[in-house]
Amino acid sequence: MLDKTFDIVATTQSGLEPLLKRELLEEGLFVEDTGVRLVRVIGDLTTLYRINLRSRFALRFLVPVLSFHA
């Protein structure tokens, strides 16, 4: 899991999306999508730990735990 990349969804307060996006870009991440109260990036477990410690605008980081086809 350390070298596997996955989607990371960073949630924030309404109106702070541009600040969170800039913060994640400054960390060297590729921003996939920006939505209402969220910014979606791609990263690995090391990236997740790093942004979790350094982020000032994110409320929480959501990652997929399990995926399956129905």
C-alpha atoms as a PDB file:
ATOM      1  CA  MET A   1       0.000   0.000   0.000  1.00  0.00           C
ATOM      2  CA  LEU A   2       2.958   2.345   0.429  1.00  0.00           C
ATOM      3  CA  ASP A   3       3.658   2.621  -3.296  1.00  0.00           C
ATOM      4  CA  LYS A   4       0.032   2.406  -4.457  1.00  0.00           C
ATOM      5  CA  THR A   5      -1.597   5.697  -5.475  1.00  0.00           C
ATOM      6  CA  PHE A   6      -5.256   6.418  -4.830  1.00  0.00           C
ATOM      7  CA  ASP A   7      -7.741   9.294  -4.788  1.00  0.00           C
ATOM      8  CA  ILE A   8      -7.635  11.516  -1.732  1.00  0.00           C
ATOM      9  CA  VAL A   9     -10.595  13.800  -1.087  1.00  0.00           C
ATOM     10  CA  ALA A  10      -9.831  16.774   1.137  1.00  0.00           C
ATOM     11  CA  THR A  11     -12.888  18.421   2.656  1.00  0.00           C
ATOM     12  CA  THR A  12     -12.979  22.032   3.817  1.00  0.00           C
ATOM     13  CA  GLN A  13     -15.327  24.820   4.818  1.00  0.00           C
ATOM     14  CA  SER A  14     -17.434  26.498   2.171  1.00  0.00           C
ATOM     15  CA  GLY A  15     -15.477  29.247   0.417  1.00  0.00           C
ATOM     16  CA  LEU A  16     -12.027  27.913   1.349  1.00  0.00           C
ATOM     17  CA  GLU A  17     -11.708  25.616  -1.686  1.00  0.00           C
ATOM     18  CA  PRO A  18      -9.290  27.927  -3.598  1.00  0.00           C
ATOM     19  CA  LEU A  19      -7.031  28.254  -0.553  1.00  0.00           C
ATOM     20  CA  LEU A  20      -6.972  24.491  -0.011  1.00  0.00           C
ATOM     21  CA  LYS A  21      -6.270  23.913  -3.704  1.00  0.00           C
ATOM     22  CA  ARG A  22      -3.330  26.341  -3.619  1.00  0.00           C
ATOM     23  CA  GLU A  23      -2.026  24.726  -0.435  1.00  0.00           C
ATOM     24  CA  LEU A  24      -2.116  21.248  -1.996  1.00  0.00           C
ATOM     25  CA  LEU A  25      -0.482  22.503  -5.206  1.00  0.00           C
ATOM     26  CA  GLU A  26       2.329  24.020  -3.121  1.00  0.00           C
ATOM     27  CA  GLU A  27       2.848  20.569  -1.577  1.00  0.00           C
ATOM     28  CA  GLY A  28       3.497  19.256  -5.101  1.00  0.00           C
ATOM     29  CA  LEU A  29       0.230  17.370  -5.588  1.00  0.00           C
ATOM     30  CA  PHE A  30      -1.783  17.097  -8.793  1.00  0.00           C
ATOM     31  CA  VAL A  31      -5.288  18.462  -8.208  1.00  0.00           C
ATOM     32  CA  GLU A  32      -7.813  16.341 -10.121  1.00  0.00           C
ATOM     33  CA  ASP A  33     -11.003  18.174  -9.291  1.00  0.00           C
ATOM     34  CA  THR A  34     -12.401  20.957  -7.148  1.00  0.00           C
ATOM     35  CA  GLY A  35     -15.988  20.816  -5.952  1.00  0.00           C
ATOM     36  CA  VAL A  36     -18.226  22.291  -3.305  1.00  0.00           C
ATOM     37  CA  ARG A  37     -16.331  22.001  -0.013  1.00  0.00           C
ATOM     38  CA  LEU A  38     -13.796  19.504  -1.445  1.00  0.00           C
ATOM     39  CA  VAL A  39     -10.608  19.139  -3.436  1.00  0.00           C
ATOM     40  CA  ARG A  40      -9.667  15.782  -4.997  1.00  0.00           C
ATOM     41  CA  VAL A  41      -5.983  14.864  -5.435  1.00  0.00           C
ATOM     42  CA  ILE A  42      -3.952  11.754  -6.233  1.00  0.00           C
ATOM     43  CA  GLY A  43      -1.345  10.492  -3.786  1.00  0.00           C
ATOM     44  CA  ASP A  44       0.108   7.598  -1.856  1.00  0.00           C
ATOM     45  CA  LEU A  45       0.175   6.803   1.850  1.00  0.00           C
ATOM     46  CA  THR A  46       3.267   8.925   2.485  1.00  0.00           C
ATOM     47  CA  THR A  47       1.598  11.889   0.784  1.00  0.00           C
ATOM     48  CA  LEU A  48      -1.522  11.371   2.871  1.00  0.00           C
ATOM     49  CA  TYR A  49       0.460  11.491   6.118  1.00  0.00           C
ATOM     50  CA  ARG A  50       2.398  14.584   4.990  1.00  0.00           C
ATOM     51  CA  ILE A  51      -0.634  16.652   3.977  1.00  0.00           C
ATOM     52  CA  ASN A  52      -2.543  15.528   7.053  1.00  0.00           C
ATOM     53  CA  LEU A  53       0.168  17.032   9.247  1.00  0.00           C
ATOM     54  CA  ARG A  54       0.765  20.206   7.221  1.00  0.00           C
ATOM     55  CA  SER A  55      -2.657  21.256   5.952  1.00  0.00           C
ATOM     56  CA  ARG A  56      -4.248  24.301   7.541  1.00  0.00           C
ATOM     57  CA  PHE A  57      -7.459  24.449   5.491  1.00  0.00           C
ATOM     58  CA  ALA A  58      -8.556  20.799   5.251  1.00  0.00           C
ATOM     59  CA  LEU A  59     -11.040  19.454   7.773  1.00  0.00           C
ATOM     60  CA  ARG A  60     -10.473  15.785   6.920  1.00  0.00           C
ATOM     61  CA  PHE A  61      -9.004  13.542   4.249  1.00  0.00           C
ATOM     62  CA  LEU A  62     -11.108  10.743   2.813  1.00  0.00           C
ATOM     63  CA  VAL A  63      -9.581   7.710   1.064  1.00  0.00           C
ATOM     64  CA  PRO A  64     -11.178   4.610  -0.441  1.00  0.00           C
ATOM     65  CA  VAL A  65     -11.062   1.595   1.839  1.00  0.00           C
ATOM     66  CA  LEU A  66     -12.711  -0.961  -0.431  1.00  0.00           C
ATOM     67  CA  SER A  67     -13.926  -0.947  -4.007  1.00  0.00           C
ATOM     68  CA  PHE A  68     -15.899  -3.562  -5.895  1.00  0.00           C
ATOM     69  CA  HIS A  69     -18.072  -3.985  -8.975  1.00  0.00           C
ATOM     70  CA  ALA A  70     -21.759  -4.593  -8.410  1.00  0.00           C
END
